[in-house]
N, C-alpha and C. Protein backbone atom coordinates (compact mmCIF):
# COMPACT_ATOMS: atom_id res chain seq x y z
N MET A 1 39.27 200.38 68.21
CA MET A 1 38.72 199.83 69.44
C MET A 1 39.30 198.42 69.62
N THR A 2 39.74 198.16 70.84
CA THR A 2 40.33 196.85 71.13
C THR A 2 39.24 195.80 71.29
N PHE A 3 39.69 194.56 71.20
CA PHE A 3 38.76 193.46 71.40
C PHE A 3 38.18 193.48 72.79
N ARG A 4 38.98 193.82 73.78
CA ARG A 4 38.53 193.88 75.15
C ARG A 4 37.43 194.89 75.31
N THR A 5 37.55 196.10 74.72
CA THR A 5 36.54 197.14 74.82
C THR A 5 35.24 196.68 74.17
N ARG A 6 35.38 196.05 73.01
CA ARG A 6 34.17 195.58 72.32
C ARG A 6 33.45 194.49 73.12
N LEU A 7 34.20 193.65 73.78
CA LEU A 7 33.63 192.60 74.62
C LEU A 7 32.88 193.17 75.80
N VAL A 8 33.50 194.18 76.44
CA VAL A 8 32.84 194.82 77.58
C VAL A 8 31.56 195.53 77.13
N MET A 9 31.60 196.23 75.98
CA MET A 9 30.39 196.93 75.49
C MET A 9 29.31 195.93 75.12
N ALA A 10 29.70 194.81 74.53
CA ALA A 10 28.69 193.81 74.16
C ALA A 10 28.07 193.18 75.41
N SER A 11 28.90 192.90 76.43
CA SER A 11 28.38 192.36 77.67
C SER A 11 27.45 193.31 78.37
N THR A 12 27.82 194.58 78.39
CA THR A 12 26.98 195.59 79.01
C THR A 12 25.66 195.70 78.32
N ALA A 13 25.68 195.71 76.99
CA ALA A 13 24.45 195.78 76.22
C ALA A 13 23.56 194.56 76.49
N ALA A 14 24.15 193.40 76.62
CA ALA A 14 23.39 192.20 76.89
C ALA A 14 22.74 192.24 78.27
N VAL A 15 23.46 192.76 79.24
CA VAL A 15 22.89 192.89 80.60
C VAL A 15 21.75 193.90 80.61
N VAL A 16 21.89 195.04 79.91
CA VAL A 16 20.86 196.03 79.85
C VAL A 16 19.60 195.44 79.20
N VAL A 17 19.74 194.71 78.11
CA VAL A 17 18.61 194.07 77.42
C VAL A 17 17.91 193.07 78.37
N ALA A 18 18.73 192.26 79.07
CA ALA A 18 18.15 191.27 79.98
C ALA A 18 17.39 191.92 81.10
N VAL A 19 17.93 193.02 81.69
CA VAL A 19 17.23 193.71 82.78
C VAL A 19 15.95 194.35 82.29
N LEU A 20 15.95 194.94 81.11
CA LEU A 20 14.74 195.53 80.55
C LEU A 20 13.68 194.45 80.27
N ALA A 21 14.09 193.34 79.71
CA ALA A 21 13.14 192.26 79.46
C ALA A 21 12.52 191.75 80.74
N ALA A 22 13.36 191.53 81.76
CA ALA A 22 12.85 191.00 83.06
C ALA A 22 11.93 192.05 83.72
N SER A 23 12.29 193.31 83.65
CA SER A 23 11.42 194.36 84.21
C SER A 23 10.09 194.40 83.52
N SER A 24 10.10 194.32 82.24
CA SER A 24 8.86 194.39 81.45
C SER A 24 7.95 193.18 81.78
N ALA A 25 8.57 192.01 81.87
CA ALA A 25 7.81 190.81 82.18
C ALA A 25 7.21 190.92 83.58
N SER A 26 7.95 191.40 84.57
CA SER A 26 7.45 191.59 85.92
C SER A 26 6.30 192.56 85.94
N PHE A 27 6.43 193.66 85.25
CA PHE A 27 5.36 194.70 85.17
C PHE A 27 4.08 194.08 84.62
N LEU A 28 4.20 193.37 83.50
CA LEU A 28 3.01 192.79 82.84
C LEU A 28 2.34 191.77 83.73
N ALA A 29 3.14 190.95 84.38
CA ALA A 29 2.58 189.90 85.29
C ALA A 29 1.84 190.56 86.43
N ALA A 30 2.46 191.57 87.09
CA ALA A 30 1.83 192.26 88.23
C ALA A 30 0.53 192.99 87.78
N ARG A 31 0.60 193.65 86.62
CA ARG A 31 -0.57 194.35 86.09
C ARG A 31 -1.72 193.39 85.83
N ASN A 32 -1.41 192.25 85.20
CA ASN A 32 -2.44 191.25 84.88
C ASN A 32 -3.08 190.71 86.17
N THR A 33 -2.25 190.42 87.17
CA THR A 33 -2.75 189.91 88.43
C THR A 33 -3.69 190.91 89.11
N LEU A 34 -3.29 192.18 89.13
CA LEU A 34 -4.12 193.24 89.76
C LEU A 34 -5.43 193.44 88.97
N LEU A 35 -5.37 193.46 87.65
CA LEU A 35 -6.59 193.63 86.87
C LEU A 35 -7.54 192.43 87.07
N ASN A 36 -7.00 191.22 87.12
CA ASN A 36 -7.87 190.04 87.36
C ASN A 36 -8.55 190.12 88.74
N ALA A 37 -7.80 190.58 89.74
CA ALA A 37 -8.34 190.70 91.10
C ALA A 37 -9.48 191.75 91.09
N ALA A 38 -9.25 192.88 90.41
CA ALA A 38 -10.23 193.95 90.37
C ALA A 38 -11.47 193.46 89.60
N ASP A 39 -11.25 192.76 88.49
CA ASP A 39 -12.37 192.26 87.70
C ASP A 39 -13.20 191.26 88.50
N SER A 40 -12.56 190.41 89.24
CA SER A 40 -13.24 189.44 90.07
C SER A 40 -14.11 190.14 91.12
N SER A 41 -13.52 191.10 91.77
CA SER A 41 -14.28 191.90 92.80
C SER A 41 -15.47 192.58 92.19
N LEU A 42 -15.28 193.16 91.00
CA LEU A 42 -16.42 193.84 90.31
C LEU A 42 -17.52 192.85 89.95
N GLN A 43 -17.14 191.67 89.54
CA GLN A 43 -18.15 190.64 89.15
C GLN A 43 -18.96 190.22 90.38
N VAL A 44 -18.29 190.05 91.52
CA VAL A 44 -18.99 189.68 92.74
C VAL A 44 -19.96 190.82 93.15
N ALA A 45 -19.50 192.06 93.08
CA ALA A 45 -20.35 193.18 93.44
C ALA A 45 -21.55 193.26 92.48
N ALA A 46 -21.30 193.11 91.18
CA ALA A 46 -22.41 193.17 90.21
C ALA A 46 -23.44 192.08 90.48
N ASN A 47 -22.98 190.89 90.79
CA ASN A 47 -23.93 189.82 91.09
C ASN A 47 -24.77 190.11 92.30
N LYS A 48 -24.16 190.72 93.30
CA LYS A 48 -24.92 191.12 94.50
C LYS A 48 -25.98 192.13 94.17
N ILE A 49 -25.59 193.16 93.41
CA ILE A 49 -26.50 194.24 93.02
C ILE A 49 -27.68 193.65 92.21
N ILE A 50 -27.35 192.81 91.25
CA ILE A 50 -28.40 192.25 90.38
C ILE A 50 -29.41 191.46 91.18
N HIS A 51 -28.90 190.80 92.27
CA HIS A 51 -29.81 189.97 93.09
C HIS A 51 -30.37 190.75 94.28
N GLY A 52 -30.23 192.08 94.24
CA GLY A 52 -30.89 192.93 95.23
C GLY A 52 -30.18 193.08 96.58
N GLN A 53 -28.90 192.65 96.62
CA GLN A 53 -28.18 192.76 97.88
C GLN A 53 -27.39 194.08 97.91
N LEU A 54 -27.06 194.51 99.11
CA LEU A 54 -26.22 195.70 99.26
C LEU A 54 -24.78 195.32 99.21
N ILE A 55 -23.96 196.24 98.78
CA ILE A 55 -22.51 195.96 98.76
C ILE A 55 -21.81 197.06 99.59
N GLY A 56 -20.65 196.68 100.14
CA GLY A 56 -19.90 197.67 100.94
C GLY A 56 -19.00 198.52 100.01
N THR A 57 -18.52 199.64 100.59
CA THR A 57 -17.67 200.50 99.78
C THR A 57 -16.31 199.89 99.52
N THR A 58 -15.94 198.85 100.25
CA THR A 58 -14.67 198.20 99.95
C THR A 58 -14.78 197.35 98.72
N THR A 59 -15.97 196.89 98.38
CA THR A 59 -16.20 196.04 97.20
C THR A 59 -16.27 196.88 95.92
N ALA A 60 -17.04 197.92 95.96
CA ALA A 60 -17.19 198.81 94.80
C ALA A 60 -17.60 200.15 95.33
N SER A 61 -16.88 201.20 94.86
CA SER A 61 -17.17 202.50 95.44
C SER A 61 -18.06 203.37 94.57
N GLN A 62 -18.26 203.01 93.33
CA GLN A 62 -19.12 203.80 92.45
C GLN A 62 -19.92 202.85 91.57
N GLY A 63 -21.12 203.29 91.29
CA GLY A 63 -21.98 202.50 90.42
C GLY A 63 -23.07 203.34 89.82
N GLN A 64 -23.56 202.88 88.72
CA GLN A 64 -24.65 203.58 88.09
C GLN A 64 -25.44 202.60 87.20
N VAL A 65 -26.69 202.93 87.01
CA VAL A 65 -27.58 202.17 86.16
C VAL A 65 -27.95 203.04 84.99
N VAL A 66 -27.82 202.48 83.78
CA VAL A 66 -28.13 203.20 82.54
C VAL A 66 -29.33 202.47 81.88
N SER A 67 -30.33 203.21 81.51
CA SER A 67 -31.48 202.63 80.82
C SER A 67 -31.13 202.18 79.41
N SER A 68 -32.04 201.46 78.82
CA SER A 68 -31.80 200.96 77.46
C SER A 68 -31.66 202.08 76.44
N SER A 69 -32.13 203.31 76.79
CA SER A 69 -31.96 204.42 75.91
C SER A 69 -30.69 205.20 76.16
N GLY A 70 -29.88 204.74 77.16
CA GLY A 70 -28.59 205.39 77.43
C GLY A 70 -28.64 206.48 78.46
N VAL A 71 -29.75 206.63 79.17
CA VAL A 71 -29.89 207.70 80.17
C VAL A 71 -29.55 207.09 81.54
N ILE A 72 -28.81 207.86 82.34
CA ILE A 72 -28.44 207.43 83.70
C ILE A 72 -29.70 207.44 84.55
N VAL A 73 -30.03 206.34 85.15
CA VAL A 73 -31.25 206.20 85.97
C VAL A 73 -30.92 206.27 87.43
N SER A 74 -29.75 205.72 87.79
CA SER A 74 -29.37 205.67 89.21
C SER A 74 -27.86 205.79 89.32
N GLY A 75 -27.40 206.41 90.38
CA GLY A 75 -25.95 206.57 90.57
C GLY A 75 -25.42 207.67 89.66
N GLY A 76 -24.22 207.51 89.24
CA GLY A 76 -23.63 208.48 88.32
C GLY A 76 -22.12 208.66 88.53
N GLY A 77 -21.56 209.49 87.71
CA GLY A 77 -20.13 209.79 87.81
C GLY A 77 -19.26 209.00 86.86
N LEU A 78 -19.79 207.97 86.25
CA LEU A 78 -19.00 207.19 85.28
C LEU A 78 -19.41 207.59 83.89
N PRO A 79 -18.47 207.55 82.93
CA PRO A 79 -18.81 207.93 81.54
C PRO A 79 -19.78 206.94 80.91
N VAL A 80 -20.71 207.45 80.12
CA VAL A 80 -21.62 206.63 79.34
C VAL A 80 -21.20 206.72 77.86
N THR A 81 -20.44 205.73 77.45
CA THR A 81 -19.90 205.70 76.09
C THR A 81 -20.85 204.94 75.16
N GLY A 82 -20.50 204.96 73.90
CA GLY A 82 -21.31 204.25 72.90
C GLY A 82 -21.38 202.75 73.21
N GLN A 83 -20.27 202.19 73.71
CA GLN A 83 -20.23 200.76 74.04
C GLN A 83 -21.17 200.46 75.21
N VAL A 84 -21.21 201.37 76.19
CA VAL A 84 -22.11 201.21 77.31
C VAL A 84 -23.55 201.25 76.87
N ARG A 85 -23.86 202.15 75.94
CA ARG A 85 -25.24 202.23 75.38
C ARG A 85 -25.63 200.94 74.63
N LEU A 86 -24.64 200.35 73.94
CA LEU A 86 -24.93 199.11 73.22
C LEU A 86 -25.24 197.97 74.18
N VAL A 87 -24.52 197.90 75.30
CA VAL A 87 -24.78 196.89 76.35
C VAL A 87 -26.18 197.17 76.93
N ALA A 88 -26.48 198.41 77.22
CA ALA A 88 -27.79 198.74 77.80
C ALA A 88 -28.93 198.38 76.92
N ALA A 89 -28.70 198.46 75.58
CA ALA A 89 -29.73 198.13 74.63
C ALA A 89 -29.70 196.64 74.19
N SER A 90 -28.91 195.83 74.94
CA SER A 90 -28.77 194.42 74.68
C SER A 90 -28.22 194.09 73.29
N LEU A 91 -27.33 194.97 72.78
CA LEU A 91 -26.72 194.76 71.48
C LEU A 91 -25.26 194.38 71.59
N ALA A 92 -24.72 194.34 72.81
CA ALA A 92 -23.31 193.98 73.01
C ALA A 92 -23.21 193.21 74.32
N PRO A 93 -22.16 192.37 74.45
CA PRO A 93 -21.97 191.63 75.72
C PRO A 93 -21.34 192.51 76.78
N ALA A 94 -21.35 191.97 78.01
CA ALA A 94 -20.68 192.67 79.15
C ALA A 94 -19.22 192.83 78.83
N PHE A 95 -18.59 193.85 79.45
CA PHE A 95 -17.15 194.05 79.25
C PHE A 95 -16.53 194.83 80.42
N TYR A 96 -15.25 194.67 80.53
CA TYR A 96 -14.45 195.42 81.54
C TYR A 96 -13.67 196.52 80.80
N VAL A 97 -13.50 197.66 81.47
CA VAL A 97 -12.75 198.75 80.88
C VAL A 97 -12.15 199.59 81.97
N THR A 98 -11.01 200.19 81.72
CA THR A 98 -10.41 201.14 82.64
C THR A 98 -10.79 202.52 82.21
N VAL A 99 -11.44 203.31 83.08
CA VAL A 99 -11.85 204.66 82.77
C VAL A 99 -11.16 205.67 83.68
N THR A 100 -11.08 206.90 83.24
CA THR A 100 -10.53 207.96 84.10
C THR A 100 -11.65 208.88 84.51
N VAL A 101 -11.81 209.06 85.84
CA VAL A 101 -12.85 209.92 86.40
C VAL A 101 -12.16 210.86 87.41
N ASP A 102 -12.26 212.14 87.16
CA ASP A 102 -11.64 213.15 88.00
C ASP A 102 -10.14 212.89 88.20
N GLY A 103 -9.46 212.45 87.13
CA GLY A 103 -8.05 212.18 87.19
C GLY A 103 -7.63 210.88 87.79
N ASN A 104 -8.59 210.06 88.20
CA ASN A 104 -8.30 208.74 88.79
C ASN A 104 -8.71 207.65 87.82
N GLN A 105 -7.88 206.64 87.71
CA GLN A 105 -8.19 205.51 86.86
C GLN A 105 -9.02 204.51 87.67
N LEU A 106 -10.14 204.13 87.13
CA LEU A 106 -11.05 203.16 87.77
C LEU A 106 -11.31 202.00 86.84
N ARG A 107 -11.49 200.81 87.41
CA ARG A 107 -11.87 199.67 86.61
C ARG A 107 -13.39 199.58 86.63
N GLU A 108 -14.00 199.36 85.46
CA GLU A 108 -15.42 199.36 85.37
C GLU A 108 -15.91 198.04 84.68
N LEU A 109 -16.99 197.52 85.23
CA LEU A 109 -17.67 196.38 84.60
C LEU A 109 -18.98 196.90 84.11
N VAL A 110 -19.24 196.72 82.85
CA VAL A 110 -20.53 197.07 82.28
C VAL A 110 -21.26 195.80 81.95
N GLU A 111 -22.39 195.58 82.60
CA GLU A 111 -23.15 194.35 82.51
C GLU A 111 -24.62 194.65 82.18
N PRO A 112 -25.21 193.89 81.26
CA PRO A 112 -26.60 194.15 80.94
C PRO A 112 -27.54 193.81 82.10
N LEU A 113 -28.65 194.56 82.15
CA LEU A 113 -29.70 194.24 83.14
C LEU A 113 -30.97 193.86 82.32
N ALA A 114 -31.63 192.84 82.84
CA ALA A 114 -32.81 192.34 82.12
C ALA A 114 -34.00 193.30 82.26
N PRO A 115 -34.92 193.24 81.29
CA PRO A 115 -36.17 194.01 81.43
C PRO A 115 -36.85 193.64 82.73
N GLY A 116 -37.40 194.63 83.41
CA GLY A 116 -38.12 194.38 84.66
C GLY A 116 -37.23 194.47 85.89
N THR A 117 -35.94 194.80 85.70
CA THR A 117 -35.03 194.94 86.84
C THR A 117 -35.45 196.14 87.69
N LYS A 118 -35.54 195.91 89.00
CA LYS A 118 -35.93 197.00 89.91
C LYS A 118 -34.71 197.86 90.26
N VAL A 119 -34.81 199.14 90.17
CA VAL A 119 -33.78 200.09 90.56
C VAL A 119 -34.38 201.08 91.54
N GLU A 120 -33.54 201.94 92.13
CA GLU A 120 -34.01 202.88 93.19
C GLU A 120 -35.22 203.68 92.75
N ASP A 121 -35.25 204.11 91.50
CA ASP A 121 -36.32 205.00 91.05
C ASP A 121 -37.40 204.37 90.27
N GLY A 122 -37.50 203.03 90.33
CA GLY A 122 -38.56 202.35 89.61
C GLY A 122 -38.09 201.02 89.03
N VAL A 123 -38.59 200.73 87.82
CA VAL A 123 -38.30 199.46 87.14
C VAL A 123 -37.83 199.76 85.74
N LEU A 124 -36.81 199.04 85.31
CA LEU A 124 -36.31 199.21 83.90
C LEU A 124 -37.21 198.34 83.00
N ARG A 125 -38.14 198.94 82.34
CA ARG A 125 -39.09 198.15 81.51
C ARG A 125 -38.36 197.50 80.35
N ASN A 126 -37.40 198.17 79.74
CA ASN A 126 -36.71 197.59 78.56
C ASN A 126 -35.30 197.11 78.88
N GLY A 127 -34.96 196.99 80.14
CA GLY A 127 -33.62 196.57 80.53
C GLY A 127 -32.66 197.79 80.57
N GLY A 128 -31.42 197.49 80.66
CA GLY A 128 -30.40 198.53 80.76
C GLY A 128 -29.07 197.91 81.04
N ALA A 129 -28.17 198.72 81.69
CA ALA A 129 -26.82 198.23 82.04
C ALA A 129 -26.43 198.74 83.39
N LEU A 130 -25.68 197.91 84.07
CA LEU A 130 -25.12 198.28 85.39
C LEU A 130 -23.68 198.66 85.16
């Protein structure tokens, strides 16, 4: 192989690596920005719900309340995992997670609800999670 051929191959490899690195960085930056925007929207919606206000479907399209025992009290459609049960039982802090429901990826905020929180079907005596 001539020096010229090796130089062209090395230059091509360097360009491919640079393009892959730039593409990866752009993807991660865009993903982080979109997740932060979704998380902020979820936090605003959760605060409204906790304070008894209604939210529009553009703010949050699905929601559910889980009792401290892990039973769905209101809403539904979202998975109730072990981590959600821990938050409902006040044993873990609030968290964000991406879940798949009916083949769609959704961003979810799981936040604890204080004992005495009013929900559609009554009052959560021992608290729960939104």
